[in-house]
Amino acid sequence: MTYADLNLGLPTMIICLEMVPFSVFFHYAYSVRPYVFSRMPVSATDHPYDRPQDMTYQGGFLGVRAWIAMLNPSEIIKAIIFAITMASDSRR
């Protein structure tokens, strides 16, 4: 065992071993089940407010519309102006 093994390798290995139970916990605590659409049959007795109206993902094919909305230049410019405004207000 060298100095580097004891001071760098061993703590890193212990942290990795500690993360295994946490990963199982996070998988249980933050399930993806609420975000997956299921094929629910629609019957005449269903109330329209009991189920979502639009049973499709809103981002389009492969999330193209979501990527376009994220890269909207006007939003980026508004965010930069907001950051400059907040920085100048904090100096006053």
PDB file of N, CA and C in Angstrom:
ATOM      1  N   MET A   1       0.855  -1.178   0.000  1.00  0.00           N
ATOM      2  CA  MET A   1       0.000   0.000   0.000  1.00  0.00           C
ATOM      3  C   MET A   1       0.900   1.241   0.000  1.00  0.00           C
ATOM      4  N   THR A   2       0.665   2.074  -0.964  1.00  0.00           N
ATOM      5  CA  THR A   2       1.442   3.302  -1.060  1.00  0.00           C
ATOM      6  C   THR A   2       0.666   4.452  -0.420  1.00  0.00           C
ATOM      7  N   TYR A   3       1.349   5.591  -0.349  1.00  0.00           N
ATOM      8  CA  TYR A   3       0.730   6.788   0.206  1.00  0.00           C
ATOM      9  C   TYR A   3      -0.510   7.179  -0.603  1.00  0.00           C
ATOM     10  N   ALA A   4      -0.405   7.130  -1.929  1.00  0.00           N
ATOM     11  CA  ALA A   4      -1.535   7.506  -2.791  1.00  0.00           C
ATOM     12  C   ALA A   4      -2.705   6.543  -2.615  1.00  0.00           C
ATOM     13  N   ASP A   5      -2.411   5.247  -2.410  1.00  0.00           N
ATOM     14  CA  ASP A   5      -3.495   4.280  -2.204  1.00  0.00           C
ATOM     15  C   ASP A   5      -4.274   4.593  -0.934  1.00  0.00           C
ATOM     16  N   LEU A   6      -3.564   4.930   0.123  1.00  0.00           N
ATOM     17  CA  LEU A   6      -4.226   5.185   1.408  1.00  0.00           C
ATOM     18  C   LEU A   6      -4.953   6.522   1.435  1.00  0.00           C
ATOM     19  N   ASN A   7      -4.390   7.532   0.818  1.00  0.00           N
ATOM     20  CA  ASN A   7      -4.976   8.870   0.926  1.00  0.00           C
ATOM     21  C   ASN A   7      -5.928   9.218  -0.213  1.00  0.00           C
ATOM     22  N   LEU A   8      -5.836   8.540  -1.338  1.00  0.00           N
ATOM     23  CA  LEU A   8      -6.733   8.832  -2.449  1.00  0.00           C
ATOM     24  C   LEU A   8      -7.624   7.651  -2.810  1.00  0.00           C
ATOM     25  N   GLY A   9      -7.050   6.498  -2.959  1.00  0.00           N
ATOM     26  CA  GLY A   9      -7.800   5.339  -3.426  1.00  0.00           C
ATOM     27  C   GLY A   9      -8.784   4.793  -2.421  1.00  0.00           C
ATOM     28  N   LEU A  10      -8.352   4.668  -1.179  1.00  0.00           N
ATOM     29  CA  LEU A  10      -9.217   4.084  -0.143  1.00  0.00           C
ATOM     30  C   LEU A  10     -10.454   4.941   0.136  1.00  0.00           C
ATOM     31  N   PRO A  11     -10.318   6.267   0.336  1.00  0.00           N
ATOM     32  CA  PRO A  11     -11.537   7.069   0.541  1.00  0.00           C
ATOM     33  C   PRO A  11     -12.479   7.054  -0.670  1.00  0.00           C
ATOM     34  N   THR A  12     -11.897   7.037  -1.857  1.00  0.00           N
ATOM     35  CA  THR A  12     -12.731   6.997  -3.058  1.00  0.00           C
ATOM     36  C   THR A  12     -13.488   5.679  -3.148  1.00  0.00           C
ATOM     37  N   MET A  13     -12.831   4.579  -2.812  1.00  0.00           N
ATOM     38  CA  MET A  13     -13.497   3.283  -2.843  1.00  0.00           C
ATOM     39  C   MET A  13     -14.610   3.212  -1.797  1.00  0.00           C
ATOM     40  N   ILE A  14     -14.384   3.770  -0.624  1.00  0.00           N
ATOM     41  CA  ILE A  14     -15.404   3.771   0.428  1.00  0.00           C
ATOM     42  C   ILE A  14     -16.618   4.584  -0.014  1.00  0.00           C
ATOM     43  N   ILE A  15     -16.379   5.735  -0.650  1.00  0.00           N
ATOM     44  CA  ILE A  15     -17.493   6.557  -1.129  1.00  0.00           C
ATOM     45  C   ILE A  15     -18.293   5.802  -2.185  1.00  0.00           C
ATOM     46  N   CYS A  16     -17.596   5.096  -3.087  1.00  0.00           N
ATOM     47  CA  CYS A  16     -18.292   4.319  -4.114  1.00  0.00           C
ATOM     48  C   CYS A  16     -19.144   3.223  -3.485  1.00  0.00           C
ATOM     49  N   LEU A  17     -18.642   2.590  -2.456  1.00  0.00           N
ATOM     50  CA  LEU A  17     -19.409   1.536  -1.782  1.00  0.00           C
ATOM     51  C   LEU A  17     -20.609   2.117  -1.035  1.00  0.00           C
ATOM     52  N   GLU A  18     -20.459   3.323  -0.506  1.00  0.00           N
ATOM     53  CA  GLU A  18     -21.575   3.960   0.185  1.00  0.00           C
ATOM     54  C   GLU A  18     -22.675   4.385  -0.793  1.00  0.00           C
ATOM     55  N   MET A  19     -22.307   4.677  -2.036  1.00  0.00           N
ATOM     56  CA  MET A  19     -23.278   5.157  -3.012  1.00  0.00           C
ATOM     57  C   MET A  19     -24.200   4.054  -3.528  1.00  0.00           C
ATOM     58  N   VAL A  20     -23.819   2.794  -3.396  1.00  0.00           N
ATOM     59  CA  VAL A  20     -24.672   1.699  -3.880  1.00  0.00           C
ATOM     60  C   VAL A  20     -26.018   1.684  -3.155  1.00  0.00           C
ATOM     61  N   PRO A  21     -26.063   1.701  -1.810  1.00  0.00           N
ATOM     62  CA  PRO A  21     -27.386   1.737  -1.155  1.00  0.00           C
ATOM     63  C   PRO A  21     -28.173   3.016  -1.480  1.00  0.00           C
ATOM     64  N   PHE A  22     -27.459   4.144  -1.624  1.00  0.00           N
ATOM     65  CA  PHE A  22     -28.152   5.379  -1.966  1.00  0.00           C
ATOM     66  C   PHE A  22     -28.770   5.300  -3.354  1.00  0.00           C
ATOM     67  N   SER A  23     -28.092   4.658  -4.288  1.00  0.00           N
ATOM     68  CA  SER A  23     -28.654   4.547  -5.632  1.00  0.00           C
ATOM     69  C   SER A  23     -29.927   3.702  -5.628  1.00  0.00           C
ATOM     70  N   VAL A  24     -29.959   2.674  -4.812  1.00  0.00           N
ATOM     71  CA  VAL A  24     -31.171   1.855  -4.707  1.00  0.00           C
ATOM     72  C   VAL A  24     -32.291   2.679  -4.079  1.00  0.00           C
ATOM     73  N   PHE A  25     -31.958   3.469  -3.061  1.00  0.00           N
ATOM     74  CA  PHE A  25     -32.959   4.316  -2.416  1.00  0.00           C
ATOM     75  C   PHE A  25     -33.516   5.346  -3.398  1.00  0.00           C
ATOM     76  N   PHE A  26     -32.654   5.999  -4.175  1.00  0.00           N
ATOM     77  CA  PHE A  26     -33.119   7.001  -5.126  1.00  0.00           C
ATOM     78  C   PHE A  26     -33.979   6.376  -6.215  1.00  0.00           C
ATOM     79  N   HIS A  27     -33.651   5.158  -6.621  1.00  0.00           N
ATOM     80  CA  HIS A  27     -34.470   4.473  -7.615  1.00  0.00           C
ATOM     81  C   HIS A  27     -35.874   4.226  -7.055  1.00  0.00           C
ATOM     82  N   TYR A  28     -35.961   3.922  -5.776  1.00  0.00           N
ATOM     83  CA  TYR A  28     -37.265   3.705  -5.139  1.00  0.00           C
ATOM     84  C   TYR A  28     -37.978   5.033  -4.892  1.00  0.00           C
ATOM     85  N   ALA A  29     -37.252   6.044  -4.394  1.00  0.00           N
ATOM     86  CA  ALA A  29     -37.879   7.305  -4.000  1.00  0.00           C
ATOM     87  C   ALA A  29     -38.329   8.131  -5.204  1.00  0.00           C
ATOM     88  N   TYR A  30     -37.574   8.102  -6.277  1.00  0.00           N
ATOM     89  CA  TYR A  30     -37.882   8.914  -7.451  1.00  0.00           C
ATOM     90  C   TYR A  30     -38.157   8.007  -8.643  1.00  0.00           C
ATOM     91  N   SER A  31     -39.288   7.384  -8.615  1.00  0.00           N
ATOM     92  CA  SER A  31     -39.685   6.458  -9.659  1.00  0.00           C
ATOM     93  C   SER A  31     -40.075   7.215 -10.932  1.00  0.00           C
ATOM     94  N   VAL A  32     -39.910   6.559 -12.067  1.00  0.00           N
ATOM     95  CA  VAL A  32     -40.325   7.162 -13.333  1.00  0.00           C
ATOM     96  C   VAL A  32     -41.766   6.822 -13.672  1.00  0.00           C
ATOM     97  N   ARG A  33     -42.409   6.042 -12.861  1.00  0.00           N
ATOM     98  CA  ARG A  33     -43.770   5.589 -13.139  1.00  0.00           C
ATOM     99  C   ARG A  33     -44.765   6.733 -13.351  1.00  0.00           C
ATOM    100  N   PRO A  34     -44.711   7.847 -12.609  1.00  0.00           N
ATOM    101  CA  PRO A  34     -45.692   8.913 -12.870  1.00  0.00           C
ATOM    102  C   PRO A  34     -45.528   9.574 -14.230  1.00  0.00           C
ATOM    103  N   TYR A  35     -44.368   9.412 -14.863  1.00  0.00           N
ATOM    104  CA  TYR A  35     -44.101  10.091 -16.114  1.00  0.00           C
ATOM    105  C   TYR A  35     -44.315   9.212 -17.329  1.00  0.00           C
ATOM    106  N   VAL A  36     -44.724   7.974 -17.151  1.00  0.00           N
ATOM    107  CA  VAL A  36     -44.947   7.054 -18.253  1.00  0.00           C
ATOM    108  C   VAL A  36     -46.444   6.973 -18.517  1.00  0.00           C
ATOM    109  N   PHE A  37     -46.808   7.218 -19.766  1.00  0.00           N
ATOM    110  CA  PHE A  37     -48.214   7.135 -20.139  1.00  0.00           C
ATOM    111  C   PHE A  37     -48.594   5.684 -20.350  1.00  0.00           C
ATOM    112  N   SER A  38     -49.723   5.321 -19.820  1.00  0.00           N
ATOM    113  CA  SER A  38     -50.229   3.969 -20.053  1.00  0.00           C
ATOM    114  C   SER A  38     -51.423   4.056 -20.992  1.00  0.00           C
ATOM    115  N   ARG A  39     -51.719   2.966 -21.614  1.00  0.00           N
ATOM    116  CA  ARG A  39     -52.870   2.926 -22.520  1.00  0.00           C
ATOM    117  C   ARG A  39     -54.118   2.638 -21.703  1.00  0.00           C
ATOM    118  N   MET A  40     -54.810   3.700 -21.320  1.00  0.00           N
ATOM    119  CA  MET A  40     -56.022   3.539 -20.534  1.00  0.00           C
ATOM    120  C   MET A  40     -57.216   3.491 -21.472  1.00  0.00           C
ATOM    121  N   PRO A  41     -58.061   2.509 -21.331  1.00  0.00           N
ATOM    122  CA  PRO A  41     -59.259   2.480 -22.163  1.00  0.00           C
ATOM    123  C   PRO A  41     -60.219   3.593 -21.754  1.00  0.00           C
ATOM    124  N   VAL A  42     -60.820   4.183 -22.741  1.00  0.00           N
ATOM    125  CA  VAL A  42     -61.765   5.269 -22.488  1.00  0.00           C
ATOM    126  C   VAL A  42     -63.166   4.703 -22.588  1.00  0.00           C
ATOM    127  N   SER A  43     -63.943   4.877 -21.544  1.00  0.00           N
ATOM    128  CA  SER A  43     -65.327   4.400 -21.575  1.00  0.00           C
ATOM    129  C   SER A  43     -66.271   5.577 -21.398  1.00  0.00           C
ATOM    130  N   ALA A  44     -67.507   5.327 -21.614  1.00  0.00           N
ATOM    131  CA  ALA A  44     -68.506   6.392 -21.508  1.00  0.00           C
ATOM    132  C   ALA A  44     -68.717   6.822 -20.063  1.00  0.00           C
ATOM    133  N   THR A  45     -68.363   5.969 -19.105  1.00  0.00           N
ATOM    134  CA  THR A  45     -68.593   6.319 -17.707  1.00  0.00           C
ATOM    135  C   THR A  45     -67.451   7.132 -17.109  1.00  0.00           C
ATOM    136  N   ASP A  46     -66.328   7.248 -17.835  1.00  0.00           N
ATOM    137  CA  ASP A  46     -65.204   8.029 -17.316  1.00  0.00           C
ATOM    138  C   ASP A  46     -65.555   9.510 -17.304  1.00  0.00           C
ATOM    139  N   HIS A  47     -65.221  10.135 -16.215  1.00  0.00           N
ATOM    140  CA  HIS A  47     -65.402  11.569 -16.118  1.00  0.00           C
ATOM    141  C   HIS A  47     -64.230  12.228 -16.829  1.00  0.00           C
ATOM    142  N   PRO A  48     -64.433  13.307 -17.576  1.00  0.00           N
ATOM    143  CA  PRO A  48     -63.329  13.891 -18.336  1.00  0.00           C
ATOM    144  C   PRO A  48     -62.208  14.454 -17.469  1.00  0.00           C
ATOM    145  N   TYR A  49     -62.484  14.752 -16.206  1.00  0.00           N
ATOM    146  CA  TYR A  49     -61.454  15.303 -15.333  1.00  0.00           C
ATOM    147  C   TYR A  49     -60.674  14.223 -14.590  1.00  0.00           C
ATOM    148  N   ASP A  50     -61.019  12.967 -14.774  1.00  0.00           N
ATOM    149  CA  ASP A  50     -60.331  11.877 -14.084  1.00  0.00           C
ATOM    150  C   ASP A  50     -59.045  11.448 -14.776  1.00  0.00           C
ATOM    151  N   ARG A  51     -58.865  11.833 -16.025  1.00  0.00           N
ATOM    152  CA  ARG A  51     -57.672  11.407 -16.752  1.00  0.00           C
ATOM    153  C   ARG A  51     -57.137  12.578 -17.565  1.00  0.00           C
ATOM    154  N   PRO A  52     -55.847  12.554 -17.912  1.00  0.00           N
ATOM    155  CA  PRO A  52     -55.296  13.643 -18.721  1.00  0.00           C
ATOM    156  C   PRO A  52     -55.952  13.690 -20.095  1.00  0.00           C
ATOM    157  N   GLN A  53     -56.138  14.878 -20.610  1.00  0.00           N
ATOM    158  CA  GLN A  53     -56.787  15.035 -21.905  1.00  0.00           C
ATOM    159  C   GLN A  53     -55.865  14.636 -23.057  1.00  0.00           C
ATOM    160  N   ASP A  54     -54.622  15.006 -22.956  1.00  0.00           N
ATOM    161  CA  ASP A  54     -53.689  14.728 -24.041  1.00  0.00           C
ATOM    162  C   ASP A  54     -52.716  13.654 -23.569  1.00  0.00           C
ATOM    163  N   MET A  55     -52.815  12.467 -24.148  1.00  0.00           N
ATOM    164  CA  MET A  55     -51.997  11.341 -23.694  1.00  0.00           C
ATOM    165  C   MET A  55     -50.750  11.179 -24.548  1.00  0.00           C
ATOM    166  N   THR A  56     -50.130  12.279 -24.959  1.00  0.00           N
ATOM    167  CA  THR A  56     -48.905  12.211 -25.736  1.00  0.00           C
ATOM    168  C   THR A  56     -47.857  13.089 -25.077  1.00  0.00           C
ATOM    169  N   TYR A  57     -46.615  12.820 -25.413  1.00  0.00           N
ATOM    170  CA  TYR A  57     -45.529  13.665 -24.933  1.00  0.00           C
ATOM    171  C   TYR A  57     -45.541  14.968 -25.717  1.00  0.00           C
ATOM    172  N   GLN A  58     -45.250  16.060 -25.051  1.00  0.00           N
ATOM    173  CA  GLN A  58     -45.389  17.372 -25.662  1.00  0.00           C
ATOM    174  C   GLN A  58     -44.149  17.839 -26.397  1.00  0.00           C
ATOM    175  N   GLY A  59     -43.048  17.112 -26.312  1.00  0.00           N
ATOM    176  CA  GLY A  59     -41.810  17.551 -26.929  1.00  0.00           C
ATOM    177  C   GLY A  59     -41.658  17.198 -28.380  1.00  0.00           C
ATOM    178  N   GLY A  60     -42.563  16.433 -28.936  1.00  0.00           N
ATOM    179  CA  GLY A  60     -42.456  16.029 -30.328  1.00  0.00           C
ATOM    180  C   GLY A  60     -41.551  14.814 -30.486  1.00  0.00           C
ATOM    181  N   PHE A  61     -41.258  14.460 -31.719  1.00  0.00           N
ATOM    182  CA  PHE A  61     -40.416  13.307 -32.005  1.00  0.00           C
ATOM    183  C   PHE A  61     -39.005  13.576 -31.500  1.00  0.00           C
ATOM    184  N   LEU A  62     -38.529  12.704 -30.617  1.00  0.00           N
ATOM    185  CA  LEU A  62     -37.201  12.813 -29.997  1.00  0.00           C
ATOM    186  C   LEU A  62     -37.007  14.135 -29.255  1.00  0.00           C
ATOM    187  N   GLY A  63     -38.087  14.775 -28.871  1.00  0.00           N
ATOM    188  CA  GLY A  63     -37.997  16.015 -28.105  1.00  0.00           C
ATOM    189  C   GLY A  63     -37.540  17.209 -28.915  1.00  0.00           C
ATOM    190  N   VAL A  64     -37.780  17.194 -30.223  1.00  0.00           N
ATOM    191  CA  VAL A  64     -37.301  18.272 -31.090  1.00  0.00           C
ATOM    192  C   VAL A  64     -37.905  19.614 -30.685  1.00  0.00           C
ATOM    193  N   ARG A  65     -39.186  19.632 -30.417  1.00  0.00           N
ATOM    194  CA  ARG A  65     -39.818  20.901 -30.016  1.00  0.00           C
ATOM    195  C   ARG A  65     -39.286  21.387 -28.682  1.00  0.00           C
ATOM    196  N   ALA A  66     -38.962  20.474 -27.782  1.00  0.00           N
ATOM    197  CA  ALA A  66     -38.393  20.875 -26.499  1.00  0.00           C
ATOM    198  C   ALA A  66     -36.998  21.469 -26.679  1.00  0.00           C
ATOM    199  N   TRP A  67     -36.190  20.861 -27.580  1.00  0.00           N
ATOM    200  CA  TRP A  67     -34.854  21.406 -27.851  1.00  0.00           C
ATOM    201  C   TRP A  67     -34.956  22.791 -28.483  1.00  0.00           C
ATOM    202  N   ILE A  68     -35.882  22.973 -29.397  1.00  0.00           N
ATOM    203  CA  ILE A  68     -36.041  24.276 -30.049  1.00  0.00           C
ATOM    204  C   ILE A  68     -36.479  25.317 -29.031  1.00  0.00           C
ATOM    205  N   ALA A  69     -37.397  24.964 -28.156  1.00  0.00           N
ATOM    206  CA  ALA A  69     -37.846  25.898 -27.126  1.00  0.00           C
ATOM    207  C   ALA A  69     -36.716  26.236 -26.162  1.00  0.00           C
ATOM    208  N   MET A  70     -35.856  25.261 -25.878  1.00  0.00           N
ATOM    209  CA  MET A  70     -34.748  25.514 -24.964  1.00  0.00           C
ATOM    210  C   MET A  70     -33.731  26.459 -25.597  1.00  0.00           C
ATOM    211  N   LEU A  71     -33.515  26.348 -26.887  1.00  0.00           N
ATOM    212  CA  LEU A  71     -32.521  27.165 -27.571  1.00  0.00           C
ATOM    213  C   LEU A  71     -33.094  28.468 -28.127  1.00  0.00           C
ATOM    214  N   ASN A  72     -34.245  28.878 -27.635  1.00  0.00           N
ATOM    215  CA  ASN A  72     -34.894  30.102 -28.076  1.00  0.00           C
ATOM    216  C   ASN A  72     -34.002  31.297 -27.722  1.00  0.00           C
ATOM    217  N   PRO A  73     -33.514  32.054 -28.712  1.00  0.00           N
ATOM    218  CA  PRO A  73     -32.588  33.148 -28.409  1.00  0.00           C
ATOM    219  C   PRO A  73     -33.220  34.264 -27.583  1.00  0.00           C
ATOM    220  N   SER A  74     -34.513  34.509 -27.738  1.00  0.00           N
ATOM    221  CA  SER A  74     -35.126  35.579 -26.941  1.00  0.00           C
ATOM    222  C   SER A  74     -35.120  35.232 -25.460  1.00  0.00           C
ATOM    223  N   GLU A  75     -35.295  33.967 -25.118  1.00  0.00           N
ATOM    224  CA  GLU A  75     -35.235  33.559 -23.715  1.00  0.00           C
ATOM    225  C   GLU A  75     -33.825  33.727 -23.151  1.00  0.00           C
ATOM    226  N   ILE A  76     -32.820  33.401 -23.962  1.00  0.00           N
ATOM    227  CA  ILE A  76     -31.442  33.545 -23.519  1.00  0.00           C
ATOM    228  C   ILE A  76     -31.112  35.018 -23.298  1.00  0.00           C
ATOM    229  N   ILE A  77     -31.555  35.874 -24.199  1.00  0.00           N
ATOM    230  CA  ILE A  77     -31.309  37.315 -24.056  1.00  0.00           C
ATOM    231  C   ILE A  77     -32.016  37.856 -22.825  1.00  0.00           C
ATOM    232  N   LYS A  78     -33.266  37.446 -22.595  1.00  0.00           N
ATOM    233  CA  LYS A  78     -33.992  37.872 -21.397  1.00  0.00           C
ATOM    234  C   LYS A  78     -33.282  37.424 -20.128  1.00  0.00           C
ATOM    235  N   ALA A  79     -32.724  36.213 -20.133  1.00  0.00           N
ATOM    236  CA  ALA A  79     -32.011  35.719 -18.954  1.00  0.00           C
ATOM    237  C   ALA A  79     -30.736  36.511 -18.714  1.00  0.00           C
ATOM    238  N   ILE A  80     -30.014  36.889 -19.769  1.00  0.00           N
ATOM    239  CA  ILE A  80     -28.801  37.690 -19.606  1.00  0.00           C
ATOM    240  C   ILE A  80     -29.145  39.070 -19.067  1.00  0.00           C
ATOM    241  N   ILE A  81     -30.189  39.683 -19.599  1.00  0.00           N
ATOM    242  CA  ILE A  81     -30.620  40.997 -19.108  1.00  0.00           C
ATOM    243  C   ILE A  81     -31.054  40.899 -17.652  1.00  0.00           C
ATOM    244  N   PHE A  82     -31.763  39.850 -17.298  1.00  0.00           N
ATOM    245  CA  PHE A  82     -32.183  39.660 -15.910  1.00  0.00           C
ATOM    246  C   PHE A  82     -30.970  39.519 -14.984  1.00  0.00           C
ATOM    247  N   ALA A  83     -29.956  38.766 -15.415  1.00  0.00           N
ATOM    248  CA  ALA A  83     -28.760  38.584 -14.593  1.00  0.00           C
ATOM    249  C   ALA A  83     -28.027  39.901 -14.401  1.00  0.00           C
ATOM    250  N   ILE A  84     -27.921  40.693 -15.454  1.00  0.00           N
ATOM    251  CA  ILE A  84     -27.258  41.997 -15.341  1.00  0.00           C
ATOM    252  C   ILE A  84     -28.049  42.914 -14.426  1.00  0.00           C
ATOM    253  N   THR A  85     -29.373  42.900 -14.546  1.00  0.00           N
ATOM    254  CA  THR A  85     -30.225  43.726 -13.686  1.00  0.00           C
ATOM    255  C   THR A  85     -30.075  43.330 -12.223  1.00  0.00           C
ATOM    256  N   MET A  86     -30.070  42.027 -11.952  1.00  0.00           N
ATOM    257  CA  MET A  86     -29.923  41.567 -10.565  1.00  0.00           C
ATOM    258  C   MET A  86     -28.549  41.923 -10.010  1.00  0.00           C
ATOM    259  N   ALA A  87     -27.504  41.826 -10.831  1.00  0.00           N
ATOM    260  CA  ALA A  87     -26.162  42.183 -10.373  1.00  0.00           C
ATOM    261  C   ALA A  87     -26.048  43.671 -10.085  1.00  0.00           C
ATOM    262  N   SER A  88     -26.663  44.493 -10.931  1.00  0.00           N
ATOM    263  CA  SER A  88     -26.588  45.932 -10.695  1.00  0.00           C
ATOM    264  C   SER A  88     -27.444  46.341  -9.489  1.00  0.00           C
ATOM    265  N   ASP A  89     -28.572  45.671  -9.271  1.00  0.00           N
ATOM    266  CA  ASP A  89     -29.398  45.982  -8.109  1.00  0.00           C
ATOM    267  C   ASP A  89     -28.724  45.559  -6.812  1.00  0.00           C
ATOM    268  N   SER A  90     -27.944  44.512  -6.838  1.00  0.00           N
ATOM    269  CA  SER A  90     -27.298  44.050  -5.605  1.00  0.00           C
ATOM    270  C   SER A  90     -26.157  44.959  -5.197  1.00  0.00           C
ATOM    271  N   ARG A  91     -25.603  45.714  -6.136  1.00  0.00           N
ATOM    272  CA  ARG A  91     -24.510  46.636  -5.823  1.00  0.00           C
ATOM    273  C   ARG A  91     -25.026  47.939  -5.202  1.00  0.00           C
ATOM    274  N   ARG A  92     -26.293  48.240  -5.403  1.00  0.00           N
ATOM    275  CA  ARG A  92     -26.857  49.499  -4.882  1.00  0.00           C
ATOM    276  C   ARG A  92     -27.097  49.429  -3.420  1.00  0.00           C
TER     277      ARG A  92
END
